[in-house]
Structures are given as structure tokens and as C-alpha cells.
Amino acid sequence: MASTNYDNAAWFYDRLSKLVYGKALVSSQLFLLPYITANATILIVGGGTGWVLDEITRFHPAGLKITYVEVSEKMMAKSRKRHIGQNEINYINEPIQDTRLTDNYDIVITAFLFDNFKVDILQKVFAVLHRRLKQNGLWLNTDFQLTGKWWQSVMLKSMLQFFRTLCDVEASALPDIDGLFKDYQTIESKTFFGDFISSKVFKK
């Protein structure tokens, strides 16, 4: 079981992200939401404080079936208070690699998830999600990337060290996210915050 847990950061996480990144973390995820189709089945993993549920409901106030997986109890508590309209939602408070999912989904959403894991755990996590995404389904992913700008490496190192100390984040470097999706088709992509953040729509 992964030890990473954001309970210690739940009370200030959103405010800290805005302080450091401005609107970039939010904008990078909002960019992906128009790709959610009506009446879709959706798997959200690592949803944090759940603000994205409010935004999804703005697009689709009803008709969605959402499975929401979040390991942090305090993050989950915040997520349960979000507005979901008439959408159906199943909250699961445990690590995704330990979750026994039986449904298949039209859409998988992962935002700043993969940078938490060591390679062995990451591969297990990706395999679980890959199996649960329907053929021709969409995977909406947002995460950090390094494009050769010196300040990106400095910010990444500081960020990982901070959350390693506070939340037991296991990763010490960014994973090869594009490598994970090598068998997927990239439908759309956009970068934010000086190319440090990458949002992509992948099709299985």
C-alpha cells in the first residue's frame, strides 16, 4: 500500500496552490472538462478537495455516474461537501491500487496523480486504470513536466521535498507520463505556467 496521504495538507492545499501557481492548476484541469460527454461514466482518482466536482456539475448537472477515489480522509471529507447536482457519485476512500473496481468507464480523470508514486507503484496504478477504461474511452490527465527550463527543476525539487516531508510522497522525480500513454492517441493538449503543467486528452 502506498504511504502517500495528503491529510496533513488538506486544510491549506487549495490556498497554497493558488499562492504558488495562481490560476494555473485550476485552469489546466478546467481545460479538460468540455471533453466530458453527457451521461458518461467517470472515474476520478486523486480528486483532492473535490472542487472539480463543482465544475463538472456546471457542465452536467445530471446524468453522470461518477466513481471518486481519494486516499486522504480529510480531502474526502471536503469532497463530500461539493455540489454534485443530480449526478450519481460513489465515494471510495482508499488507495486506487487497493480498490476493487468492477465497472468500466467512459472517462478517467487524473490530475497531478502520477507524480506521487515510485515507478513500481505507478505501473500498478496505471494498469488498474487502463483496465477500467473502455475501449475508445478518454483519459483526461494533468501533471507537471520538465521542458528544460532551469526554474522548473528548482520548483519541482522544492515541491517534492515539501510534500515528501509533510505527506510521505514517495516520488523523487517526475515519471515518464508520455511513456505510460504510448499506446494511446493524443486528442488534445495544452500547457500552462510556462510549460511546467501539461494537460492532455488521451484516447484508448
Protein backbone atom coordinates (compact mmCIF):
# COMPACT_ATOMS: atom_id res chain seq x y z
CA MET A 1 0.00 0.00 0.00
CA ALA A 2 1.28 3.46 -0.85
CA SER A 3 2.06 5.63 2.16
CA THR A 4 1.33 8.94 0.44
CA ASN A 5 -1.55 10.71 2.12
CA TYR A 6 -2.49 14.39 1.93
CA ASP A 7 -4.38 14.59 5.24
CA ASN A 8 -1.78 16.99 6.64
CA ALA A 9 -2.21 19.33 3.68
CA ALA A 10 -5.99 19.20 3.26
CA TRP A 11 -6.70 22.39 5.18
CA PHE A 12 -4.39 24.61 3.12
CA TYR A 13 -3.79 22.73 -0.15
CA ASP A 14 -6.03 24.82 -2.44
CA ARG A 15 -4.82 28.10 -0.97
CA LEU A 16 -1.18 27.08 -1.32
CA SER A 17 -1.65 26.04 -4.93
CA LYS A 18 -3.17 29.42 -5.76
CA LEU A 19 -0.38 31.23 -3.92
CA VAL A 20 2.33 29.39 -5.85
CA TYR A 21 0.71 28.79 -9.23
CA GLY A 22 -2.05 31.36 -9.41
CA LYS A 23 -4.91 30.04 -11.53
CA ALA A 24 -2.73 27.59 -13.47
CA LEU A 25 -3.57 24.40 -11.57
CA VAL A 26 -7.28 25.11 -11.84
CA SER A 27 -7.14 26.29 -15.46
CA SER A 28 -5.20 23.20 -16.51
CA GLN A 29 -8.00 20.98 -15.24
CA LEU A 30 -10.86 23.16 -16.46
CA PHE A 31 -9.38 22.85 -19.95
CA LEU A 32 -10.21 19.13 -19.90
CA LEU A 33 -13.79 19.25 -18.66
CA PRO A 34 -15.51 20.03 -22.01
CA TYR A 35 -14.42 16.55 -23.12
CA ILE A 36 -16.84 15.00 -20.62
CA THR A 37 -19.87 13.79 -22.53
CA ALA A 38 -23.48 13.64 -21.38
CA ASN A 39 -24.47 10.56 -19.37
CA ALA A 40 -20.85 9.40 -19.14
CA THR A 41 -19.48 7.03 -16.54
CA ILE A 42 -16.44 8.69 -14.97
CA LEU A 43 -13.62 7.53 -12.72
CA ILE A 44 -11.82 10.33 -10.85
CA VAL A 45 -8.69 9.32 -8.96
CA GLY A 46 -6.89 11.59 -6.51
CA GLY A 47 -9.53 14.29 -6.62
CA GLY A 48 -8.12 16.20 -3.64
CA THR A 49 -10.54 18.68 -2.08
CA GLY A 50 -13.09 17.92 -4.79
CA TRP A 51 -13.52 21.39 -6.27
CA VAL A 52 -13.58 19.76 -9.70
CA LEU A 53 -16.93 18.15 -8.80
CA ASP A 54 -18.48 21.62 -8.58
CA GLU A 55 -17.11 22.46 -12.01
CA ILE A 56 -18.21 19.20 -13.60
CA THR A 57 -21.71 19.83 -12.28
CA ARG A 58 -21.73 23.20 -14.04
CA PHE A 59 -21.28 21.35 -17.34
CA HIS A 60 -23.52 18.39 -16.47
CA PRO A 61 -25.98 18.97 -13.60
CA ALA A 62 -27.44 15.47 -14.09
CA GLY A 63 -26.89 12.19 -15.88
CA LEU A 64 -23.31 11.37 -14.90
CA LYS A 65 -22.23 8.34 -12.90
CA ILE A 66 -19.01 9.16 -11.05
CA THR A 67 -16.67 6.98 -9.02
CA TYR A 68 -14.47 9.23 -6.88
CA VAL A 69 -11.35 7.67 -5.36
CA GLU A 70 -9.29 9.62 -2.83
CA VAL A 71 -6.93 8.14 -0.21
CA SER A 72 -6.98 11.13 2.18
CA GLU A 73 -9.87 11.08 4.66
CA LYS A 74 -9.67 14.84 5.17
CA MET A 75 -9.63 15.53 1.43
CA MET A 76 -12.57 13.16 1.04
CA ALA A 77 -14.50 14.96 3.76
CA LYS A 78 -14.14 18.19 1.81
CA SER A 79 -15.09 16.44 -1.43
CA ARG A 80 -18.33 15.10 0.05
CA LYS A 81 -19.50 18.66 0.64
CA ARG A 82 -19.26 19.60 -3.04
CA HIS A 83 -22.24 20.25 -5.26
CA ILE A 84 -22.99 17.26 -7.50
CA GLY A 85 -26.48 18.18 -8.68
CA GLN A 86 -28.46 15.12 -9.78
CA ASN A 87 -25.37 13.15 -10.74
CA GLU A 88 -24.71 9.79 -9.09
CA ILE A 89 -21.44 9.51 -7.19
CA ASN A 90 -19.70 6.69 -5.36
CA TYR A 91 -17.00 7.86 -2.93
CA ILE A 92 -14.16 5.44 -2.25
CA ASN A 93 -11.66 6.41 0.45
CA GLU A 94 -8.67 4.14 -0.21
CA PRO A 95 -5.61 3.85 -2.47
CA ILE A 96 -6.61 3.20 -6.07
CA GLN A 97 -4.27 0.20 -6.37
CA ASP A 98 -6.15 -1.44 -3.48
CA THR A 99 -9.60 -0.62 -4.82
CA ARG A 100 -11.63 -3.45 -6.30
CA LEU A 101 -13.32 -1.69 -9.18
CA THR A 102 -15.69 -3.79 -11.27
CA ASP A 103 -17.23 -1.15 -13.56
CA ASN A 104 -15.78 0.07 -16.83
CA TYR A 105 -15.71 3.80 -17.53
CA ASP A 106 -16.13 6.15 -20.48
CA ILE A 107 -13.72 8.66 -18.94
CA VAL A 108 -10.84 8.52 -16.46
CA ILE A 109 -9.65 11.75 -14.84
CA THR A 110 -6.26 12.03 -13.13
CA ALA A 111 -4.85 15.38 -12.05
CA PHE A 112 -1.37 15.59 -10.51
CA LEU A 113 -1.65 11.95 -9.51
CA PHE A 114 1.26 10.15 -11.17
CA ASP A 115 3.96 12.38 -9.67
CA ASN A 116 3.22 10.89 -6.24
CA PHE A 117 4.45 7.36 -6.90
CA LYS A 118 7.62 5.39 -7.30
CA VAL A 119 7.87 3.51 -10.58
CA ASP A 120 6.67 0.11 -9.29
CA ILE A 121 3.54 1.54 -7.66
CA LEU A 122 2.93 3.85 -10.61
CA GLN A 123 2.85 0.93 -13.00
CA LYS A 124 0.28 -0.84 -10.82
CA VAL A 125 -1.86 2.28 -10.62
CA PHE A 126 -1.74 2.84 -14.35
CA ALA A 127 -2.58 -0.81 -15.06
CA VAL A 128 -5.66 -0.64 -12.83
CA LEU A 129 -6.97 2.47 -14.56
CA HIS A 130 -6.11 1.22 -18.04
CA ARG A 131 -8.16 -1.94 -17.47
CA ARG A 132 -11.17 0.00 -16.25
CA LEU A 133 -11.25 2.47 -19.17
CA LYS A 134 -13.44 1.33 -22.03
CA GLN A 135 -12.00 0.91 -25.49
CA ASN A 136 -12.17 4.31 -27.25
CA GLY A 137 -12.66 5.91 -23.85
CA LEU A 138 -10.97 9.19 -22.93
CA TRP A 139 -8.31 9.69 -20.27
CA LEU A 140 -8.04 13.30 -19.10
CA ASN A 141 -4.68 13.83 -17.45
CA THR A 142 -2.92 16.85 -15.99
CA ASP A 143 0.52 16.83 -14.45
CA PHE A 144 3.85 18.61 -14.25
CA GLN A 145 6.52 18.24 -16.90
CA LEU A 146 10.11 19.37 -17.40
CA THR A 147 10.88 21.14 -20.67
CA GLY A 148 14.45 22.20 -19.97
CA LYS A 149 13.81 25.49 -18.18
CA TRP A 150 16.05 25.72 -15.11
CA TRP A 151 13.37 27.08 -12.79
CA GLN A 152 11.11 24.08 -13.46
CA SER A 153 13.66 21.73 -11.91
CA VAL A 154 14.06 24.02 -8.90
CA MET A 155 10.30 24.24 -8.33
CA LEU A 156 9.86 20.50 -8.79
CA LYS A 157 12.61 19.62 -6.34
CA SER A 158 11.24 22.03 -3.73
CA MET A 159 7.68 20.80 -4.21
CA LEU A 160 8.55 17.11 -3.95
CA GLN A 161 10.69 17.70 -0.86
CA PHE A 162 7.92 19.69 0.82
CA PHE A 163 5.26 17.04 0.24
CA ARG A 164 7.67 14.20 0.97
CA THR A 165 8.19 15.66 4.42
CA LEU A 166 4.58 16.59 5.07
CA CYS A 167 2.64 13.86 3.27
CA ASP A 168 5.10 11.00 2.73
CA VAL A 169 5.08 11.44 -1.05
CA GLU A 170 7.18 8.59 -2.39
CA ALA A 171 8.37 10.03 -5.70
CA SER A 172 11.70 11.80 -6.02
CA ALA A 173 11.38 12.62 -9.72
CA LEU A 174 8.71 13.06 -12.38
CA PRO A 175 7.69 9.83 -14.11
CA ASP A 176 7.67 9.36 -17.88
CA ILE A 177 3.97 10.12 -18.27
CA ASP A 178 4.00 10.18 -22.06
CA GLY A 179 5.64 6.78 -21.92
CA LEU A 180 2.74 5.44 -19.90
CA PHE A 181 0.36 6.55 -22.63
CA LYS A 182 2.47 5.28 -25.54
CA ASP A 183 -0.38 3.09 -26.80
CA TYR A 184 -2.95 5.89 -26.56
CA GLN A 185 -3.86 8.53 -29.12
CA THR A 186 -3.37 12.14 -28.03
CA ILE A 187 -6.56 14.02 -28.94
CA GLU A 188 -5.73 17.43 -27.48
CA SER A 189 -3.08 19.06 -25.32
CA LYS A 190 -2.26 22.40 -23.77
CA THR A 191 0.44 23.69 -21.43
CA PHE A 192 0.23 26.15 -18.55
CA PHE A 193 2.56 28.05 -16.22
CA GLY A 194 5.47 28.39 -18.61
CA ASP A 195 5.00 24.84 -19.96
CA PHE A 196 5.54 23.38 -16.46
CA ILE A 197 1.99 21.96 -16.44
CA SER A 198 0.66 19.77 -19.24
CA SER A 199 -2.98 18.81 -19.81
CA LYS A 200 -3.74 16.09 -22.35
CA VAL A 201 -6.73 14.21 -23.64
CA PHE A 202 -5.81 10.62 -24.48
CA LYS A 203 -7.99 8.12 -26.33
CA LYS A 204 -7.65 4.42 -25.65
